[in-house]
Protein backbone atom coordinates (compact mmCIF):
# COMPACT_ATOMS: atom_id res chain seq x y z
CA MET A 1 6.52 34.40 9.71
CA ALA A 2 5.11 31.12 9.63
CA LYS A 3 1.36 32.74 8.86
CA ASN A 4 3.41 34.68 5.56
CA PHE A 5 4.51 30.91 4.32
CA GLN A 6 2.12 28.22 3.47
CA SER A 7 3.99 24.72 2.83
CA ILE A 8 2.58 21.61 1.67
CA LYS A 9 4.86 19.07 3.75
CA SER A 10 3.39 20.04 6.81
CA LEU A 11 -0.05 20.25 5.80
CA PRO A 12 -1.05 16.18 6.68
CA LYS A 13 0.43 17.11 10.10
CA ASP A 14 -1.57 20.05 10.22
CA ILE A 15 -5.07 18.60 8.98
CA ILE A 16 -4.03 15.82 11.50
CA ILE A 17 -3.76 17.87 14.39
CA ASN A 18 -6.37 20.19 13.62
CA LEU A 19 -9.22 16.97 12.89
CA VAL A 20 -8.15 15.45 16.31
CA THR A 21 -8.77 18.64 18.12
CA SER A 22 -12.26 19.88 16.04
CA ILE A 23 -13.35 16.07 17.05
CA LEU A 24 -12.19 16.81 20.87
CA GLY A 25 -13.60 20.06 21.09
CA SER A 26 -16.76 18.81 19.44
CA LEU A 27 -16.95 16.11 22.09
CA LEU A 28 -16.97 18.48 24.59
CA ILE A 29 -19.40 20.81 23.28
CA SER A 30 -21.74 18.03 22.71
CA SER A 31 -22.05 16.64 25.85
CA ILE A 32 -22.65 19.68 27.78
CA PRO A 33 -26.75 19.55 27.11
CA TRP A 34 -25.74 15.90 28.58
CA PHE A 35 -24.59 16.75 32.01
CA LEU A 36 -26.13 19.98 32.58
CA ALA A 37 -30.32 18.56 31.33
CA GLY A 38 -29.39 15.01 30.76
CA LYS A 39 -30.11 15.32 26.96
CA VAL A 40 -28.73 12.51 25.55
CA ARG A 41 -30.60 13.21 22.15
CA LEU A 42 -29.28 17.04 22.02
CA SER A 43 -25.78 16.00 22.78
CA ILE A 44 -25.67 13.29 20.25
CA LEU A 45 -27.66 15.67 17.29
CA LEU A 46 -25.52 18.79 18.54
CA PHE A 47 -22.26 16.67 17.95
CA GLY A 48 -23.48 15.29 14.30
CA LEU A 49 -23.44 19.23 13.74
CA LEU A 50 -20.44 19.55 14.47
CA MET A 51 -18.59 16.89 13.08
CA ILE A 52 -20.62 17.77 9.63
CA ALA A 53 -19.04 21.42 9.93
CA ILE A 54 -15.59 20.20 10.98
CA PRO A 55 -14.57 19.01 6.95
CA TYR A 56 -16.77 22.38 6.04
CA LEU A 57 -13.96 24.51 8.26
CA LEU A 58 -10.54 22.38 7.08
CA PHE A 59 -11.27 22.85 3.58
CA THR A 60 -11.90 26.71 4.32
CA LYS A 61 -8.97 26.53 6.20
CA TYR A 62 -6.69 24.85 3.78
CA LYS A 63 -8.26 25.80 0.38
CA ARG A 64 -5.02 28.00 -0.81
CA LEU A 65 -2.64 24.73 -0.08
CA PHE A 66 -5.32 22.76 -2.32
CA LYS A 67 -4.70 25.05 -4.41
CA LEU A 68 -1.24 25.16 -4.39
CA ILE A 69 -0.94 21.33 -4.67
CA LYS A 70 -2.69 21.34 -7.80
CA ALA A 71 -0.79 24.14 -9.51
CA GLY A 72 2.42 22.06 -8.59
CA MET A 73 3.83 23.88 -5.53
CA ASP A 74 5.60 23.29 -2.80
CA GLY A 75 4.68 26.60 -0.90
CA TYR A 76 3.55 29.80 -1.55
CA TYR A 77 5.09 33.43 0.37
CA TYR A 78 2.45 36.35 0.79
CA SER A 79 5.41 38.43 0.85
CA PHE A 80 9.58 37.18 1.06
CA ASP A 81 10.96 38.92 4.09
CA LEU A 82 14.74 39.16 3.30
CA SER A 83 15.57 36.78 6.73
CA GLU A 84 14.35 33.67 4.68
CA ASN A 85 17.52 34.25 3.15
CA ARG A 86 19.46 32.70 5.70
CA LYS A 87 17.09 29.37 5.40
CA ILE A 88 16.75 29.33 1.81
CA PHE A 89 20.73 29.54 1.10
CA HIS A 90 21.57 26.49 4.16
CA GLU A 91 19.11 24.15 2.32
CA THR A 92 21.79 24.46 -0.95
CA GLN A 93 23.64 21.49 -1.23
CA SER A 94 25.60 21.88 -4.36
CA SER A 95 24.52 24.56 -6.49
CA PHE A 96 22.95 28.09 -6.03
CA CYS A 97 22.02 30.56 -9.07
CA TYR A 98 20.41 33.91 -9.10
CA LEU A 99 18.40 35.68 -11.12
CA GLY A 100 18.04 39.24 -10.52
CA ILE A 101 18.54 42.91 -10.96
CA SER A 102 21.63 44.30 -8.16
CA SER A 103 21.40 41.39 -5.46
CA ASN A 104 21.52 43.77 -3.48
CA SER A 105 19.57 42.84 -0.42
CA ILE A 106 20.74 39.28 -0.42
CA LEU A 107 24.71 40.11 -0.49
CA GLU A 108 24.98 40.14 3.43
CA ASP A 109 23.69 37.46 4.46
CA PHE A 110 25.12 35.57 0.78
CA ARG A 111 28.64 36.23 2.15
CA LYS A 112 28.46 35.39 5.19
CA TRP A 113 26.72 31.86 3.98
CA THR A 114 30.19 31.92 1.43
CA ASP A 115 32.19 32.34 4.50
CA GLU A 116 30.69 29.01 6.51
CA SER A 117 29.97 26.67 3.62
CA THR A 118 32.47 24.30 1.69
CA SER A 119 30.14 22.13 -0.03
CA ILE A 120 28.94 24.10 -3.10
CA ASN A 121 30.48 23.95 -5.90
CA LYS A 122 28.91 26.34 -8.50
CA TYR A 123 27.32 29.99 -7.53
CA LEU A 124 26.13 31.80 -10.69
CA PHE A 125 24.96 34.90 -10.50
CA LEU A 126 22.45 36.61 -13.50
CA LEU A 127 22.60 40.39 -13.07
CA MET A 128 20.93 42.78 -14.75
CA ASP A 129 23.55 44.71 -17.27
CA PRO A 130 23.08 48.45 -15.86
CA GLU A 131 23.47 49.96 -19.23
CA SER A 132 20.59 47.88 -20.24
CA PRO A 133 17.55 49.67 -22.06
CA ALA A 134 15.48 47.48 -19.95
CA LEU A 135 16.95 48.83 -16.32
CA LYS A 136 14.62 52.25 -17.03
CA LYS A 137 11.75 49.92 -17.70
CA GLN A 138 12.35 47.66 -14.35
CA ILE A 139 12.62 51.05 -12.31
CA ALA A 140 9.29 52.70 -13.54
CA TYR A 141 7.43 49.35 -13.20
CA GLU A 142 8.99 49.16 -9.60
CA LYS A 143 7.22 53.16 -9.69
CA GLY A 144 3.92 51.78 -10.73
CA ILE A 145 4.44 52.43 -14.72
CA SER A 146 2.31 50.22 -16.73
CA LEU A 147 4.55 47.99 -19.16
CA ASP A 148 3.35 49.87 -22.48
CA THR A 149 3.83 53.02 -21.19
CA ASN A 150 6.24 55.36 -22.99
CA ILE A 151 8.38 56.57 -20.34
CA SER A 152 9.20 59.53 -21.55
CA SER A 153 6.17 60.92 -21.92
CA LEU A 154 5.63 61.24 -17.96
CA ASN A 155 5.23 64.57 -16.53
CA THR A 156 8.79 66.28 -15.99
CA GLN A 157 8.41 65.55 -12.11
CA LEU A 158 7.97 61.55 -12.33
CA PHE A 159 10.50 61.49 -15.01
CA GLN A 160 12.98 62.66 -13.02
CA ILE A 161 12.60 60.65 -10.25
CA ILE A 162 13.04 57.22 -12.99
CA GLU A 163 16.31 58.91 -14.53
CA HIS A 164 17.81 59.00 -10.06
CA GLU A 165 16.50 56.07 -9.47
CA VAL A 166 18.07 54.36 -12.42
CA GLU A 167 21.28 56.27 -11.60
CA VAL A 168 21.39 54.98 -8.05
CA GLU A 169 20.26 51.09 -9.38
CA LYS A 170 23.31 51.09 -11.96
CA LYS A 171 25.59 51.77 -9.32
CA ARG A 172 24.23 49.11 -7.37
CA ILE A 173 24.95 46.87 -9.76
CA TYR A 174 28.53 47.85 -10.48
CA SER A 175 29.13 47.95 -6.55
CA ALA A 176 26.93 44.06 -6.22
CA ILE A 177 29.48 42.86 -8.72
CA GLU A 178 32.65 44.48 -6.46
CA VAL A 179 31.47 42.83 -4.27
CA LEU A 180 30.50 39.14 -5.66
CA LYS A 181 34.28 39.65 -7.07
CA ASN A 182 35.98 39.83 -4.07
CA LEU A 183 34.28 36.24 -2.38
CA LEU A 184 36.27 33.42 -2.10
CA PRO A 185 33.97 31.84 -4.22
CA PHE A 186 34.72 34.25 -6.86
CA ARG A 187 38.02 34.08 -6.79
CA ASN A 188 39.00 29.86 -6.61
CA GLY A 189 36.75 29.84 -9.66
CA LYS A 190 33.55 29.06 -8.00
CA LEU A 191 31.41 31.80 -9.21
CA SER A 192 30.65 33.05 -12.42
CA ILE A 193 28.58 36.52 -13.22
CA ARG A 194 26.70 37.71 -16.08
CA LEU A 195 24.85 40.26 -17.14
CA HIS A 196 21.17 40.20 -18.98
CA LYS A 197 19.65 42.97 -20.98
CA GLU A 198 16.13 41.95 -20.39
CA PHE A 199 12.59 43.23 -17.95
CA ILE A 200 12.48 40.33 -15.84
CA PRO A 201 8.98 39.84 -13.56
CA TRP A 202 10.38 37.88 -11.51
CA TRP A 203 13.53 36.86 -9.29
CA MET A 204 14.91 33.68 -9.03
CA TYR A 205 17.02 31.04 -6.66
CA LEU A 206 17.51 27.71 -8.11
CA LEU A 207 18.86 25.20 -5.57
CA ASP A 208 21.11 22.34 -6.71
CA ASP A 209 18.94 22.66 -10.47
CA LYS A 210 15.65 21.15 -8.49
CA LYS A 211 14.02 23.49 -6.56
CA ILE A 212 12.95 27.47 -7.30
CA TYR A 213 12.21 30.27 -5.17
CA LEU A 214 10.14 32.32 -7.35
CA GLY A 215 9.77 35.79 -6.59
CA ILE A 216 6.94 37.41 -7.99
CA LEU A 217 7.72 41.56 -9.07
CA GLU A 218 4.44 43.12 -8.65
CA LYS A 219 3.68 46.64 -9.98
CA GLY A 220 4.23 49.95 -8.05
CA LYS A 221 6.31 47.30 -5.52
CA ARG A 222 9.86 46.23 -3.94
CA GLY A 223 10.65 42.95 -4.58
CA GLN A 224 10.05 41.92 -1.08
CA ASP A 225 6.89 43.79 -0.41
CA SER A 226 5.90 40.49 -3.05
CA PRO A 227 4.61 37.41 -3.26
CA ALA A 228 7.01 34.20 -4.17
CA MET A 229 6.22 30.59 -4.76
CA VAL A 230 8.17 27.32 -4.21
CA ILE A 231 8.71 24.79 -6.87
CA SER A 232 10.11 21.83 -6.93
CA LYS A 233 11.28 19.41 -9.98
CA ASN A 234 8.77 16.65 -10.66
CA PRO A 235 11.65 13.80 -11.83
CA ASP A 236 8.69 11.83 -13.05
CA TYR A 237 6.66 14.49 -15.50
CA PRO A 238 7.10 17.97 -16.65
CA SER A 239 5.85 20.04 -14.09
CA PRO A 240 5.31 24.27 -13.21
CA PHE A 241 9.17 24.52 -12.93
CA ASP A 242 10.56 23.23 -16.15
CA PRO A 243 9.31 26.40 -17.88
CA PHE A 244 10.71 28.62 -15.27
CA LYS A 245 14.57 25.99 -15.19
CA ASN A 246 14.35 26.62 -19.48
CA THR A 247 14.35 30.24 -19.18
CA TRP A 248 16.80 30.13 -16.27
CA ASP A 249 19.07 28.10 -18.97
CA ARG A 250 18.23 30.26 -21.78
CA MET A 251 19.06 34.11 -20.22
CA TRP A 252 21.68 32.30 -18.75
CA ALA A 253 23.36 31.58 -22.28
CA ASP A 254 21.62 34.93 -24.18
CA ALA A 255 24.08 36.93 -21.41
CA GLY A 256 27.46 35.52 -22.91
CA LYS A 257 30.52 35.29 -21.63
CA ASP A 258 31.47 35.35 -17.49
CA ILE A 259 32.26 39.20 -16.68
């Protein structure tokens, strides 16, 4: 999983380690002509060439992380393994918000976490309304159908597959709602559930109103197979965190009353 995730928090430490080991390795390699043939100038030249190459190699290795810093992000998952959920849940200190379709894939880990956690005072789940027309568009997109495609114009076999998947997803959503309502946080008033009616191009975790995990839903892929970004709130000036937080606030308000 380490190779699947890049974080800017580890960047300074990684650069220092790689820089030190690169210099030591260059010294070792460049000393070979000196020890074997007494060619000091060749050793110095070789060391100089290696010193020129090191910054380029480090920049190439960390280019993606430099782009993350420039974009205002904390980290990036090439794909999001469900095992990461346990770590993310335990990062939360006071509030956890979820935006998605059914939440079915995270429920078991979430249930275990709520059994262990006593400090969280707010859980908000914003799920897809199972009767919303957007659900069919969501399923079709997952099957690789473009958003501008008229689903009713698809060939019969593909249309029937999508219709079947919609019914399956409806059952998942209703089942997830029942599971959430049976959890202790719901019974003691800490967990609220609302239903949205929109096609969503991402899933979202919002932790403590200051950190977002945003999964990009790619056409033709399930959520856990697509990349995810980690974005933190900047207390001093607007950042990419803010428009996503505003989107969450709007959708939560638009969803109306708790169910």
